[in-house]
Amino acid sequence: SGLGNQDTEDEAEQVPVLPHLIGRTTFGNNIEDEWFIVWLLLVITRRFPDITAHVIDSDGQFLLVEAAEMVPRYLKPENCINRLFIRNGTFVV
């Protein structure tokens, strides 16, 4: 048992785990709850500028879809997975 655990511990030491917080909500058909969460993340990241937030829903990058008129044409939901963030109260690609 010693060798197996040692290999796992060595691998864990090589990849630092950054502090993070993960949340999950279920809101059913009340889409206003989803937008309230986005608003909260905007406020929190504005108050704490070192925090970066990432939000998705069951449809994926819904913020990218909502902002389709304002983002560059090359940005599509299929090529922007994990590329849209909320930082310092703004949206960042």
N, C-alpha and C. Protein backbone atom coordinates (compact mmCIF):
# COMPACT_ATOMS: atom_id res chain seq x y z
N SER A 1 0.82 -1.20 0.00
CA SER A 1 0.00 0.00 0.00
C SER A 1 0.86 1.26 0.00
N GLY A 2 2.08 1.18 0.44
CA GLY A 2 2.94 2.36 0.53
C GLY A 2 3.30 2.96 -0.81
N LEU A 3 3.65 2.13 -1.80
CA LEU A 3 4.04 2.66 -3.11
C LEU A 3 2.89 3.34 -3.81
N GLY A 4 1.72 2.74 -3.80
CA GLY A 4 0.57 3.33 -4.47
C GLY A 4 0.21 4.70 -3.90
N ASN A 5 0.22 4.80 -2.60
CA ASN A 5 -0.11 6.07 -1.96
C ASN A 5 0.97 7.11 -2.18
N GLN A 6 2.22 6.68 -2.18
CA GLN A 6 3.31 7.62 -2.37
C GLN A 6 3.25 8.24 -3.76
N ASP A 7 2.97 7.43 -4.78
CA ASP A 7 2.86 7.97 -6.14
C ASP A 7 1.74 9.01 -6.22
N THR A 8 0.62 8.73 -5.61
CA THR A 8 -0.50 9.66 -5.62
C THR A 8 -0.14 10.95 -4.90
N GLU A 9 0.54 10.85 -3.76
CA GLU A 9 0.94 12.04 -3.01
C GLU A 9 1.94 12.86 -3.80
N ASP A 10 2.90 12.21 -4.50
CA ASP A 10 3.86 12.95 -5.30
C ASP A 10 3.17 13.71 -6.43
N GLU A 11 2.20 13.08 -7.09
CA GLU A 11 1.46 13.75 -8.16
C GLU A 11 0.68 14.93 -7.60
N ALA A 12 0.08 14.78 -6.43
CA ALA A 12 -0.70 15.86 -5.83
C ALA A 12 0.20 17.04 -5.47
N GLU A 13 1.43 16.78 -5.06
CA GLU A 13 2.35 17.86 -4.73
C GLU A 13 2.76 18.65 -5.96
N GLN A 14 2.76 18.04 -7.13
CA GLN A 14 3.18 18.70 -8.35
C GLN A 14 2.11 19.64 -8.90
N VAL A 15 0.86 19.40 -8.60
CA VAL A 15 -0.23 20.23 -9.09
C VAL A 15 -0.83 21.00 -7.93
N PRO A 16 -0.53 22.31 -7.85
CA PRO A 16 -1.07 23.07 -6.73
C PRO A 16 -2.58 23.25 -6.87
N VAL A 17 -3.28 23.16 -5.77
CA VAL A 17 -4.72 23.39 -5.76
C VAL A 17 -4.94 24.83 -5.32
N LEU A 18 -5.49 25.63 -6.21
CA LEU A 18 -5.75 27.02 -5.89
C LEU A 18 -7.03 27.13 -5.07
N PRO A 19 -7.09 28.10 -4.17
CA PRO A 19 -8.32 28.27 -3.39
C PRO A 19 -9.49 28.52 -4.34
N HIS A 20 -10.59 27.86 -4.10
CA HIS A 20 -11.76 28.04 -4.95
C HIS A 20 -13.03 27.68 -4.20
N LEU A 21 -14.12 28.14 -4.73
CA LEU A 21 -15.43 27.88 -4.17
C LEU A 21 -16.35 27.48 -5.31
N ILE A 22 -17.07 26.39 -5.14
CA ILE A 22 -17.98 25.91 -6.16
C ILE A 22 -19.38 25.91 -5.58
N GLY A 23 -20.33 26.38 -6.37
CA GLY A 23 -21.72 26.38 -5.92
C GLY A 23 -22.62 25.76 -6.98
N ARG A 24 -23.74 25.29 -6.53
CA ARG A 24 -24.72 24.72 -7.45
C ARG A 24 -26.11 25.11 -6.95
N THR A 25 -26.95 25.54 -7.87
CA THR A 25 -28.32 25.88 -7.51
C THR A 25 -29.29 25.16 -8.44
N THR A 26 -30.49 25.02 -7.97
CA THR A 26 -31.57 24.49 -8.79
C THR A 26 -32.69 25.52 -8.72
N PHE A 27 -33.06 26.04 -9.87
CA PHE A 27 -34.06 27.10 -9.85
C PHE A 27 -35.26 26.81 -10.73
N GLY A 28 -35.30 25.68 -11.39
CA GLY A 28 -36.46 25.32 -12.20
C GLY A 28 -36.75 26.33 -13.28
N ASN A 29 -37.99 26.77 -13.37
CA ASN A 29 -38.39 27.70 -14.42
C ASN A 29 -38.22 29.16 -14.04
N ASN A 30 -37.75 29.45 -12.85
CA ASN A 30 -37.59 30.83 -12.41
C ASN A 30 -36.23 31.36 -12.84
N ILE A 31 -36.16 31.87 -14.05
CA ILE A 31 -34.90 32.35 -14.62
C ILE A 31 -34.37 33.57 -13.86
N GLU A 32 -35.23 34.28 -13.14
CA GLU A 32 -34.77 35.44 -12.37
C GLU A 32 -33.77 35.04 -11.30
N ASP A 33 -33.88 33.85 -10.76
CA ASP A 33 -32.91 33.38 -9.77
C ASP A 33 -31.53 33.26 -10.40
N GLU A 34 -31.47 32.80 -11.63
CA GLU A 34 -30.19 32.67 -12.33
C GLU A 34 -29.55 34.04 -12.51
N TRP A 35 -30.33 35.03 -12.90
CA TRP A 35 -29.80 36.38 -13.08
C TRP A 35 -29.43 37.02 -11.75
N PHE A 36 -30.12 36.67 -10.69
CA PHE A 36 -29.75 37.16 -9.37
C PHE A 36 -28.37 36.65 -8.98
N ILE A 37 -28.09 35.40 -9.28
CA ILE A 37 -26.78 34.82 -9.00
C ILE A 37 -25.69 35.55 -9.79
N VAL A 38 -25.97 35.83 -11.06
CA VAL A 38 -25.01 36.59 -11.87
C VAL A 38 -24.77 37.96 -11.26
N TRP A 39 -25.84 38.62 -10.84
CA TRP A 39 -25.69 39.93 -10.20
C TRP A 39 -24.84 39.84 -8.94
N LEU A 40 -25.09 38.81 -8.12
CA LEU A 40 -24.28 38.61 -6.91
C LEU A 40 -22.81 38.45 -7.25
N LEU A 41 -22.51 37.68 -8.28
CA LEU A 41 -21.12 37.48 -8.69
C LEU A 41 -20.50 38.78 -9.18
N LEU A 42 -21.27 39.59 -9.89
CA LEU A 42 -20.77 40.90 -10.32
C LEU A 42 -20.42 41.77 -9.10
N VAL A 43 -21.29 41.79 -8.12
CA VAL A 43 -21.06 42.59 -6.90
C VAL A 43 -19.86 42.07 -6.12
N ILE A 44 -19.80 40.76 -5.94
CA ILE A 44 -18.70 40.16 -5.17
C ILE A 44 -17.36 40.41 -5.84
N THR A 45 -17.28 40.24 -7.15
CA THR A 45 -16.00 40.44 -7.84
C THR A 45 -15.62 41.91 -7.90
N ARG A 46 -16.60 42.80 -7.86
CA ARG A 46 -16.30 44.23 -7.81
C ARG A 46 -15.74 44.58 -6.42
N ARG A 47 -16.30 43.99 -5.40
CA ARG A 47 -15.87 44.26 -4.02
C ARG A 47 -14.52 43.63 -3.71
N PHE A 48 -14.27 42.45 -4.28
CA PHE A 48 -13.02 41.72 -4.07
C PHE A 48 -12.37 41.50 -5.44
N PRO A 49 -11.59 42.47 -5.93
CA PRO A 49 -11.06 42.43 -7.30
C PRO A 49 -10.15 41.25 -7.63
N ASP A 50 -9.63 40.55 -6.63
CA ASP A 50 -8.77 39.39 -6.91
C ASP A 50 -9.57 38.12 -7.17
N ILE A 51 -10.88 38.21 -7.04
CA ILE A 51 -11.73 37.03 -7.26
C ILE A 51 -12.20 37.00 -8.71
N THR A 52 -12.15 35.83 -9.29
CA THR A 52 -12.68 35.60 -10.63
C THR A 52 -13.79 34.58 -10.53
N ALA A 53 -14.91 34.85 -11.19
CA ALA A 53 -16.06 33.94 -11.14
C ALA A 53 -16.34 33.39 -12.53
N HIS A 54 -16.92 32.22 -12.54
CA HIS A 54 -17.30 31.54 -13.78
C HIS A 54 -18.68 30.95 -13.55
N VAL A 55 -19.59 31.21 -14.44
CA VAL A 55 -20.95 30.73 -14.25
C VAL A 55 -21.47 30.09 -15.54
N ILE A 56 -22.08 28.92 -15.38
CA ILE A 56 -22.71 28.24 -16.51
C ILE A 56 -24.05 27.70 -16.02
N ASP A 57 -24.90 27.36 -16.96
CA ASP A 57 -26.14 26.69 -16.60
C ASP A 57 -26.29 25.44 -17.45
N SER A 58 -27.44 24.83 -17.40
CA SER A 58 -27.64 23.58 -18.13
C SER A 58 -27.50 23.77 -19.64
N ASP A 59 -27.63 25.00 -20.12
CA ASP A 59 -27.42 25.30 -21.54
C ASP A 59 -25.97 25.62 -21.86
N GLY A 60 -25.14 25.72 -20.86
CA GLY A 60 -23.72 26.03 -21.08
C GLY A 60 -23.43 27.49 -20.79
N GLN A 61 -22.73 28.14 -21.73
CA GLN A 61 -22.29 29.53 -21.57
C GLN A 61 -23.44 30.50 -21.89
N PHE A 62 -24.46 30.53 -21.05
CA PHE A 62 -25.63 31.35 -21.33
C PHE A 62 -25.33 32.83 -21.40
N LEU A 63 -24.31 33.29 -20.67
CA LEU A 63 -23.95 34.71 -20.73
C LEU A 63 -23.41 35.08 -22.11
N LEU A 64 -22.69 34.17 -22.72
CA LEU A 64 -22.17 34.41 -24.06
C LEU A 64 -23.33 34.51 -25.06
N VAL A 65 -24.32 33.68 -24.90
CA VAL A 65 -25.49 33.72 -25.77
C VAL A 65 -26.23 35.04 -25.58
N GLU A 66 -26.40 35.47 -24.33
CA GLU A 66 -27.10 36.73 -24.05
C GLU A 66 -26.34 37.94 -24.59
N ALA A 67 -25.03 37.86 -24.64
CA ALA A 67 -24.20 38.99 -25.09
C ALA A 67 -23.79 38.84 -26.55
N ALA A 68 -24.45 38.00 -27.31
CA ALA A 68 -24.04 37.69 -28.68
C ALA A 68 -23.88 38.93 -29.56
N GLU A 69 -24.68 39.94 -29.32
CA GLU A 69 -24.60 41.17 -30.12
C GLU A 69 -23.35 42.00 -29.81
N MET A 70 -22.73 41.75 -28.65
CA MET A 70 -21.63 42.60 -28.21
C MET A 70 -20.26 41.94 -28.27
N VAL A 71 -20.20 40.63 -28.44
CA VAL A 71 -18.91 39.95 -28.45
C VAL A 71 -18.44 39.77 -29.89
N PRO A 72 -17.13 39.60 -30.10
CA PRO A 72 -16.62 39.38 -31.45
C PRO A 72 -17.29 38.16 -32.11
N ARG A 73 -17.46 38.21 -33.41
CA ARG A 73 -18.16 37.16 -34.14
C ARG A 73 -17.52 35.78 -34.00
N TYR A 74 -16.19 35.74 -33.82
CA TYR A 74 -15.53 34.44 -33.72
C TYR A 74 -15.85 33.70 -32.42
N LEU A 75 -16.38 34.40 -31.43
CA LEU A 75 -16.72 33.75 -30.17
C LEU A 75 -18.07 33.06 -30.29
N LYS A 76 -18.06 31.78 -30.14
CA LYS A 76 -19.26 30.96 -30.19
C LYS A 76 -19.28 30.09 -28.94
N PRO A 77 -20.45 29.65 -28.50
CA PRO A 77 -20.50 28.78 -27.31
C PRO A 77 -19.61 27.55 -27.44
N GLU A 78 -19.48 27.01 -28.65
CA GLU A 78 -18.68 25.79 -28.79
C GLU A 78 -17.17 26.04 -28.73
N ASN A 79 -16.68 27.27 -28.97
CA ASN A 79 -15.24 27.51 -28.89
C ASN A 79 -14.86 28.38 -27.68
N CYS A 80 -15.79 28.63 -26.81
CA CYS A 80 -15.51 29.48 -25.64
C CYS A 80 -15.74 28.76 -24.32
N ILE A 81 -15.68 27.45 -24.34
CA ILE A 81 -15.87 26.71 -23.09
C ILE A 81 -14.77 27.12 -22.12
N ASN A 82 -15.16 27.52 -20.93
CA ASN A 82 -14.24 27.96 -19.88
C ASN A 82 -13.41 29.18 -20.28
N ARG A 83 -13.98 30.07 -21.07
CA ARG A 83 -13.26 31.28 -21.46
C ARG A 83 -13.98 32.57 -21.09
N LEU A 84 -15.17 32.49 -20.57
CA LEU A 84 -15.91 33.67 -20.18
C LEU A 84 -15.96 33.73 -18.66
N PHE A 85 -15.45 34.83 -18.10
CA PHE A 85 -15.36 34.98 -16.65
C PHE A 85 -15.93 36.31 -16.21
N ILE A 86 -16.20 36.41 -14.93
CA ILE A 86 -16.59 37.67 -14.31
C ILE A 86 -15.44 38.08 -13.41
N ARG A 87 -14.89 39.26 -13.68
CA ARG A 87 -13.76 39.74 -12.90
C ARG A 87 -13.91 41.24 -12.69
N ASN A 88 -13.74 41.67 -11.46
CA ASN A 88 -13.83 43.08 -11.09
C ASN A 88 -15.14 43.71 -11.57
N GLY A 89 -16.22 42.95 -11.48
CA GLY A 89 -17.55 43.45 -11.83
C GLY A 89 -17.83 43.57 -13.32
N THR A 90 -17.00 42.94 -14.15
CA THR A 90 -17.21 42.97 -15.60
C THR A 90 -17.03 41.58 -16.18
N PHE A 91 -17.46 41.42 -17.41
CA PHE A 91 -17.30 40.16 -18.11
C PHE A 91 -16.01 40.19 -18.91
N VAL A 92 -15.23 39.10 -18.80
CA VAL A 92 -13.92 39.03 -19.44
C VAL A 92 -13.84 37.74 -20.24
N VAL A 93 -13.38 37.84 -21.50
CA VAL A 93 -13.16 36.65 -22.33
C VAL A 93 -11.67 36.38 -22.35
